């Protein structure tokens, strides 16, 4: 099927509304647009260069945790949460009551991603895994009453206050399972020759068009992009997340998906997706560069700590993974007393490595500010 010949689907009359029945996607795809060829080449090269950092960065898994947290925060923000990186790195007991619900949604996304990455070692990227990820994502947060972990058994819609004035009505439940089966086949069908970036772009469009859950479809669809790349060894580690690009170009993101359904313009969506991969890969490389520069800078400062340098390095390894701590946590993690823990933390504050966030004299919380800002900076 050529992109230029693609017919996205048809509208089917239901009771007092029309639902959209998308065309199936498990087939070979070709295109005539040379812009796609150029973008595909550039995006593939940039993604490969980003992937190389997974091989050359020491202890890369320490930094992956913050990549996932950044993605979780941004993807959730697209759906209406109101948290910044300073909020989501906090432990639960330090979160303000008015931000607790949003904080929990972000933490659920982190748990869903981590569980899914682990499951991919023994399970394929499948409808079963998608339902499992959804159950984790929606546990004990807004939407918990909308059948977490189960595909919908009623009609949903996007935009508007009801089916009558909805901006988009996804497939009827009677049409949904064959479409999901076709999507699952497309993810794994080795008999068709489709580059991974193109296949992933088409799969993301189709998932969002089917909208198989009552809630959480956007977050699951964006999460699936990373899972697809990891499951197919396009990425060694989960280092590419497109939610930041989608959030910054939110109107264009939704318009590109809608344009496929309304105008059969799949090529426009593919170009948008490839541009997202290209720019996000470039930004990811810059983030790793900043992390390595920061790491080397701090390492050179460690000699100033004398005998405390060894414990400082151990603490830094923990902070790269979880960049907020307290004196009590330093005591427990390093198995040292209060006084040496307090002295160590105070030294790191003076060196501009840690920053106290509460302003209290007791129960103080410290953040690895320069590291968090590496992920929180906006261009």
Protein backbone atom coordinates (compact mmCIF):
# COMPACT_ATOMS: atom_id res chain seq x y z
CA UNK A 1 0.00 0.00 0.00
CA UNK A 2 1.31 3.42 -0.97
CA UNK A 3 0.80 6.22 1.53
CA UNK A 4 -0.56 8.26 -1.35
CA UNK A 5 -3.29 5.66 -2.03
CA UNK A 6 -4.22 5.08 1.60
CA UNK A 7 -7.88 5.37 2.60
CA UNK A 8 -7.97 5.78 6.38
CA UNK A 9 -11.40 4.28 6.96
CA UNK A 10 -15.12 4.94 6.91
CA UNK A 11 -17.73 6.32 9.27
CA UNK A 12 -20.39 3.88 10.40
CA UNK A 13 -23.84 4.85 11.58
CA UNK A 14 -24.55 3.94 15.18
CA UNK A 15 -27.44 5.01 17.35
CA UNK A 16 -27.54 8.83 17.11
CA UNK A 17 -23.86 9.09 16.18
CA UNK A 18 -21.23 7.89 13.72
CA UNK A 19 -18.13 5.97 14.77
CA UNK A 20 -14.95 5.76 12.73
CA UNK A 21 -13.87 2.37 11.42
CA UNK A 22 -10.18 2.61 10.47
CA UNK A 23 -8.61 0.52 7.74
CA UNK A 24 -6.39 -2.32 8.88
CA UNK A 25 -2.65 -1.73 8.74
CA UNK A 26 -0.93 -5.14 8.60
CA UNK A 27 0.50 -4.85 5.10
CA UNK A 28 3.61 -3.58 3.34
CA UNK A 29 3.91 0.18 2.97
CA UNK A 30 5.65 2.27 0.33
CA UNK A 31 5.69 5.95 -0.55
CA UNK A 32 6.70 8.35 -3.28
CA UNK A 33 7.41 11.38 -1.09
CA UNK A 34 11.20 12.00 -1.11
CA UNK A 35 10.85 14.10 2.06
CA UNK A 36 10.08 10.92 3.97
CA UNK A 37 13.25 9.27 2.66
CA UNK A 38 15.41 12.17 3.82
CA UNK A 39 13.74 12.40 7.24
CA UNK A 40 13.92 8.62 7.70
CA UNK A 41 17.66 8.65 7.01
CA UNK A 42 18.30 11.57 9.36
CA UNK A 43 16.10 10.20 12.14
CA UNK A 44 17.65 6.72 11.91
CA UNK A 45 21.16 8.18 12.11
CA UNK A 46 20.29 10.41 15.09
CA UNK A 47 18.61 7.52 16.88
CA UNK A 48 21.66 5.35 16.32
CA UNK A 49 23.93 8.05 17.77
CA UNK A 50 21.67 8.37 20.81
CA UNK A 51 21.72 4.60 21.19
CA UNK A 52 25.52 4.66 21.26
CA UNK A 53 25.42 6.48 24.59
CA UNK A 54 23.90 3.33 26.11
CA UNK A 55 27.19 1.59 25.30
CA UNK A 56 29.70 4.30 26.23
CA UNK A 57 28.19 5.96 29.33
CA UNK A 58 29.37 4.23 32.53
CA UNK A 59 26.51 3.08 34.79
CA UNK A 60 24.01 4.25 32.18
CA UNK A 61 21.10 2.60 34.04
CA UNK A 62 21.52 5.18 36.81
CA UNK A 63 20.60 7.92 34.37
CA UNK A 64 17.80 5.99 32.64
CA UNK A 65 15.66 6.43 35.76
CA UNK A 66 15.57 10.19 35.26
CA UNK A 67 14.83 9.81 31.54
CA UNK A 68 11.79 7.72 32.43
CA UNK A 69 10.70 10.19 35.11
CA UNK A 70 10.97 13.09 32.65
CA UNK A 71 8.90 11.18 30.11
CA UNK A 72 6.31 10.23 32.72
CA UNK A 73 5.92 13.84 33.80
CA UNK A 74 5.65 15.22 30.27
CA UNK A 75 3.30 12.53 28.97
CA UNK A 76 1.04 13.00 32.00
CA UNK A 77 1.17 16.78 31.53
CA UNK A 78 -0.31 16.38 28.05
CA UNK A 79 -3.30 14.76 29.76
CA UNK A 80 -3.73 17.62 32.23
CA UNK A 81 -1.48 17.00 35.23
CA UNK A 82 0.32 20.00 36.71
CA UNK A 83 3.72 18.94 38.00
CA UNK A 84 7.30 20.00 37.29
CA UNK A 85 10.45 17.94 37.67
CA UNK A 86 11.05 19.44 41.13
CA UNK A 87 7.70 17.98 42.21
CA UNK A 88 7.96 14.49 40.75
CA UNK A 89 11.45 13.72 42.10
CA UNK A 90 10.17 14.16 45.66
CA UNK A 91 9.32 11.29 47.98
CA UNK A 92 5.60 10.97 48.68
CA UNK A 93 5.83 12.40 52.20
CA UNK A 94 7.30 15.65 50.81
CA UNK A 95 4.64 16.23 48.15
CA UNK A 96 2.16 19.04 48.76
CA UNK A 97 -1.41 17.75 49.31
CA UNK A 98 -2.76 19.66 46.32
CA UNK A 99 -0.21 17.96 44.04
CA UNK A 100 -0.51 14.46 45.45
CA UNK A 101 -2.91 13.15 42.79
CA UNK A 102 -0.84 14.47 39.89
CA UNK A 103 2.35 13.17 41.52
CA UNK A 104 0.80 9.68 41.82
CA UNK A 105 -0.19 9.63 38.15
CA UNK A 106 3.42 10.35 37.19
CA UNK A 107 4.72 7.65 39.54
CA UNK A 108 2.26 5.16 38.03
CA UNK A 109 3.64 5.95 34.58
CA UNK A 110 7.17 5.29 35.86
CA UNK A 111 6.06 1.96 37.36
CA UNK A 112 4.24 1.00 34.17
CA UNK A 113 7.32 1.71 32.04
CA UNK A 114 9.70 -0.13 34.36
CA UNK A 115 7.43 -3.16 34.62
CA UNK A 116 6.94 -3.26 30.86
CA UNK A 117 10.69 -3.06 30.12
CA UNK A 118 11.24 -5.95 32.52
CA UNK A 119 8.39 -7.99 31.00
CA UNK A 120 9.83 -7.54 27.50
CA UNK A 121 12.64 -9.88 28.54
CA UNK A 122 10.14 -12.76 28.54
CA UNK A 123 7.00 -11.44 26.78
CA UNK A 124 6.51 -9.97 23.31
CA UNK A 125 5.00 -6.54 22.87
CA UNK A 126 1.42 -7.77 22.81
CA UNK A 127 -2.18 -6.91 23.66
CA UNK A 128 -1.67 -8.82 26.91
CA UNK A 129 1.28 -6.64 27.86
CA UNK A 130 -0.58 -3.49 26.83
CA UNK A 131 -3.46 -4.37 29.18
CA UNK A 132 -0.99 -5.12 31.98
CA UNK A 133 0.72 -1.75 31.51
CA UNK A 134 -2.66 0.00 31.52
CA UNK A 135 -3.64 -1.66 34.80
CA UNK A 136 -0.51 -0.27 36.46
CA UNK A 137 -0.95 3.16 34.90
CA UNK A 138 -4.52 3.61 36.14
CA UNK A 139 -4.18 2.05 39.60
CA UNK A 140 -5.54 4.28 42.41
CA UNK A 141 -5.61 7.49 40.33
CA UNK A 142 -8.15 9.41 38.31
CA UNK A 143 -9.68 6.91 35.94
CA UNK A 144 -9.36 3.99 38.35
CA UNK A 145 -13.09 3.34 37.91
CA UNK A 146 -12.71 3.02 34.14
CA UNK A 147 -11.79 -0.67 34.00
CA UNK A 148 -7.97 -0.52 34.35
CA UNK A 149 -6.30 -3.32 32.45
CA UNK A 150 -9.35 -4.06 30.30
CA UNK A 151 -10.27 -2.94 26.82
CA UNK A 152 -13.43 -0.88 26.79
CA UNK A 153 -16.85 -2.50 26.56
CA UNK A 154 -18.67 0.74 25.81
CA UNK A 155 -18.31 3.60 23.37
CA UNK A 156 -15.92 6.44 24.19
CA UNK A 157 -15.28 9.72 22.42
CA UNK A 158 -12.80 12.59 22.18
CA UNK A 159 -13.78 16.23 22.58
CA UNK A 160 -17.25 17.56 23.22
CA UNK A 161 -19.58 16.81 26.10
CA UNK A 162 -21.29 13.77 24.57
CA UNK A 163 -21.31 11.47 21.55
CA UNK A 164 -23.62 13.92 19.81
CA UNK A 165 -21.06 16.74 19.69
CA UNK A 166 -17.82 14.77 19.94
CA UNK A 167 -14.81 15.82 17.87
CA UNK A 168 -13.98 12.17 17.21
CA UNK A 169 -15.75 8.86 17.97
CA UNK A 170 -13.45 5.80 17.85
CA UNK A 171 -14.54 2.39 16.53
CA UNK A 172 -17.59 0.71 18.01
CA UNK A 173 -16.78 -2.11 20.43
CA UNK A 174 -18.08 -4.68 17.90
CA UNK A 175 -15.35 -3.56 15.48
CA UNK A 176 -12.55 -3.11 17.97
CA UNK A 177 -11.12 -6.61 18.56
CA UNK A 178 -10.34 -7.39 14.88
CA UNK A 179 -8.55 -4.04 14.65
CA UNK A 180 -6.51 -4.76 17.79
CA UNK A 181 -5.60 -8.22 16.49
CA UNK A 182 -4.46 -6.63 13.22
CA UNK A 183 -2.37 -4.07 15.15
CA UNK A 184 -0.70 -6.83 17.17
CA UNK A 185 0.10 -8.75 13.99
CA UNK A 186 1.56 -5.62 12.39
CA UNK A 187 3.94 -5.12 15.31
CA UNK A 188 5.52 -8.54 14.69
CA UNK A 189 4.90 -9.49 11.06
CA UNK A 190 8.35 -10.17 9.63
CA UNK A 191 6.92 -11.13 6.24
CA UNK A 192 6.28 -7.47 5.43
CA UNK A 193 9.19 -5.13 4.84
CA UNK A 194 8.60 -1.91 6.75
CA UNK A 195 11.38 0.12 8.45
CA UNK A 196 10.99 0.17 12.23
CA UNK A 197 10.49 3.93 12.47
CA UNK A 198 7.74 3.82 9.83
CA UNK A 199 6.11 0.79 11.44
CA UNK A 200 6.17 2.46 14.84
CA UNK A 201 4.64 5.66 13.46
CA UNK A 202 1.79 3.78 11.79
CA UNK A 203 1.21 1.66 14.91
CA UNK A 204 1.00 4.74 17.12
CA UNK A 205 -1.54 6.36 14.81
CA UNK A 206 -3.62 3.18 14.71
CA UNK A 207 -3.59 2.70 18.48
CA UNK A 208 -4.74 6.27 19.09
CA UNK A 209 -7.40 5.89 16.40
CA UNK A 210 -8.76 2.67 17.93
CA UNK A 211 -8.64 4.26 21.41
CA UNK A 212 -9.21 0.88 23.07
CA UNK A 213 -9.41 2.01 26.72
CA UNK A 214 -11.94 4.21 28.46
CA UNK A 215 -9.07 6.37 29.78
CA UNK A 216 -5.29 6.58 29.49
CA UNK A 217 -5.04 5.96 25.73
CA UNK A 218 -2.70 8.89 25.08
CA UNK A 219 -0.20 7.88 27.72
CA UNK A 220 -0.27 4.20 26.72
CA UNK A 221 0.14 5.11 23.05
CA UNK A 222 3.19 7.26 23.75
CA UNK A 223 4.65 4.67 26.10
CA UNK A 224 4.30 2.04 23.38
CA UNK A 225 6.66 3.99 21.12
CA UNK A 226 9.57 3.41 23.49
CA UNK A 227 8.53 -0.18 24.17
CA UNK A 228 8.46 -0.91 20.44
CA UNK A 229 11.98 0.43 19.93
CA UNK A 230 13.33 -1.52 22.91
CA UNK A 231 11.55 -4.76 21.99
CA UNK A 232 13.03 -4.61 18.49
CA UNK A 233 16.54 -3.69 19.67
CA UNK A 234 16.36 -0.35 17.93
CA UNK A 235 17.25 0.95 21.38
CA UNK A 236 19.44 -0.94 23.85
CA UNK A 237 17.95 1.09 26.69
CA UNK A 238 14.76 3.17 26.98
CA UNK A 239 16.41 6.50 26.16
CA UNK A 240 14.04 7.99 23.55
CA UNK A 241 10.79 9.63 24.63
CA UNK A 242 8.69 11.70 22.25
CA UNK A 243 6.24 13.21 24.75
CA UNK A 244 8.35 16.35 25.18
CA UNK A 245 8.17 17.03 21.43
CA UNK A 246 4.45 16.19 21.32
CA UNK A 247 3.75 18.45 24.31
CA UNK A 248 5.60 21.39 22.76
CA UNK A 249 3.78 20.85 19.45
CA UNK A 250 0.53 19.64 20.94
CA UNK A 251 -1.74 21.28 18.38
CA UNK A 252 0.31 19.94 15.48
CA UNK A 253 0.40 16.48 17.07
CA UNK A 254 -3.37 16.20 17.31
CA UNK A 255 -3.85 17.87 13.93
CA UNK A 256 -1.49 15.38 12.26
CA UNK A 257 -3.41 12.40 13.68
CA UNK A 258 -6.74 13.97 12.72
CA UNK A 259 -5.49 14.76 9.23
CA UNK A 260 -4.97 11.05 8.55
CA UNK A 261 -8.56 10.24 9.50
CA UNK A 262 -10.12 13.24 7.78
CA UNK A 263 -7.93 13.59 4.67
CA UNK A 264 -6.19 10.19 4.32
CA UNK A 265 -2.89 12.06 4.65
CA UNK A 266 -0.74 9.40 6.28
CA UNK A 267 2.42 10.89 4.81
CA UNK A 268 1.98 14.11 6.79
CA UNK A 269 1.77 12.12 10.05
CA UNK A 270 4.82 10.04 9.12
CA UNK A 271 6.86 13.19 8.46
CA UNK A 272 5.75 14.70 11.77
CA UNK A 273 6.69 11.49 13.63
CA UNK A 274 10.10 11.24 11.99
CA UNK A 275 10.81 14.89 12.80
CA UNK A 276 9.90 14.10 16.41
CA UNK A 277 12.36 11.19 16.48
CA UNK A 278 15.08 13.31 14.86
CA UNK A 279 14.77 16.32 17.18
CA UNK A 280 14.23 14.22 20.31
CA UNK A 281 17.28 12.06 19.55
CA UNK A 282 19.40 15.18 19.10
CA UNK A 283 18.14 16.59 22.38
CA UNK A 284 18.76 13.25 24.10
CA UNK A 285 22.39 13.30 22.95
CA UNK A 286 22.76 16.81 24.34
CA UNK A 287 21.33 15.66 27.68
CA UNK A 288 23.83 12.80 27.91
CA UNK A 289 26.65 15.18 27.04
CA UNK A 290 25.55 17.51 29.84
CA UNK A 291 25.36 14.59 32.28
CA UNK A 292 28.88 13.47 31.41
CA UNK A 293 30.25 17.01 31.76
CA UNK A 294 28.49 17.40 35.10
CA UNK A 295 29.77 14.02 36.28
CA UNK A 296 33.37 14.85 35.37
CA UNK A 297 33.11 18.28 37.01
CA UNK A 298 31.81 16.82 40.27
CA UNK A 299 34.39 14.03 40.23
CA UNK A 300 37.18 16.60 40.01
CA UNK A 301 35.71 18.41 43.03
CA UNK A 302 35.59 15.25 45.13
CA UNK A 303 39.28 15.50 46.03
CA UNK A 304 38.41 18.54 48.17
CA UNK A 305 36.45 16.27 50.53
CA UNK A 306 39.45 14.27 51.68
CA UNK A 307 38.34 11.24 53.73
CA UNK A 308 34.67 11.96 52.98
CA UNK A 309 35.24 11.60 49.22
CA UNK A 310 34.49 7.85 49.12
CA UNK A 311 31.12 8.25 50.86
CA UNK A 312 30.36 11.27 48.69
CA UNK A 313 30.88 9.19 45.56
CA UNK A 314 28.61 6.45 46.89
CA UNK A 315 25.95 9.03 47.67
CA UNK A 316 26.28 10.58 44.20
CA UNK A 317 25.64 7.21 42.59
CA UNK A 318 22.32 7.06 44.45
CA UNK A 319 21.48 10.66 43.60
CA UNK A 320 21.92 10.05 39.87
CA UNK A 321 19.10 7.53 40.18
CA UNK A 322 16.98 9.38 42.73
CA UNK A 323 18.10 13.02 43.06
CA UNK A 324 16.41 13.90 46.37
CA UNK A 325 17.62 12.86 49.82
CA UNK A 326 17.58 13.66 53.53
CA UNK A 327 20.08 13.29 56.35
CA UNK A 328 18.26 10.16 57.55
CA UNK A 329 18.45 8.59 54.10
CA UNK A 330 22.16 9.36 53.90
CA UNK A 331 22.66 7.72 57.30
CA UNK A 332 20.78 4.60 56.22
CA UNK A 333 22.22 4.26 52.73
CA UNK A 334 25.85 4.80 53.78
CA UNK A 335 25.43 3.14 57.19
CA UNK A 336 26.99 6.07 59.04
CA UNK A 337 25.89 8.15 62.04
CA UNK A 338 24.00 11.42 62.05
CA UNK A 339 27.02 13.70 62.51
CA UNK A 340 29.11 12.35 59.60
CA UNK A 341 25.98 12.25 57.41
CA UNK A 342 25.14 15.85 58.29
CA UNK A 343 28.72 16.99 57.67
CA UNK A 344 28.80 15.23 54.30
CA UNK A 345 25.53 16.79 53.14
CA UNK A 346 26.59 20.24 54.34
CA UNK A 347 29.82 19.89 52.39
CA UNK A 348 27.89 19.00 49.23
CA UNK A 349 25.62 22.02 49.77
CA UNK A 350 28.68 24.30 50.03
CA UNK A 351 30.03 22.77 46.82
CA UNK A 352 26.77 23.59 45.02
CA UNK A 353 26.01 19.92 44.48
CA UNK A 354 23.03 19.68 46.82
CA UNK A 355 20.42 22.35 47.53
CA UNK A 356 18.14 22.45 50.59
CA UNK A 357 14.52 22.81 49.47
CA UNK A 358 12.35 23.19 52.59
CA UNK A 359 13.89 26.11 54.47
CA UNK A 360 13.34 24.18 57.70
CA UNK A 361 15.93 23.50 60.36
CA UNK A 362 14.60 19.96 60.84
CA UNK A 363 13.38 17.31 58.38
CA UNK A 364 15.35 18.98 55.65
CA UNK A 365 15.14 17.74 52.06
CA UNK A 366 18.02 18.16 49.63
CA UNK A 367 17.93 18.05 45.83
CA UNK A 368 20.70 17.40 43.32
CA UNK A 369 19.79 20.64 41.57
CA UNK A 370 22.21 20.77 38.66
CA UNK A 371 21.35 17.20 37.68
CA UNK A 372 17.58 17.73 37.83
CA UNK A 373 17.93 20.91 35.78
CA UNK A 374 19.66 18.90 33.07
CA UNK A 375 16.35 17.13 32.48
CA UNK A 376 14.08 20.05 33.27
CA UNK A 377 15.57 22.65 30.93
CA UNK A 378 13.28 23.76 28.14
CA UNK A 379 14.56 24.99 24.80
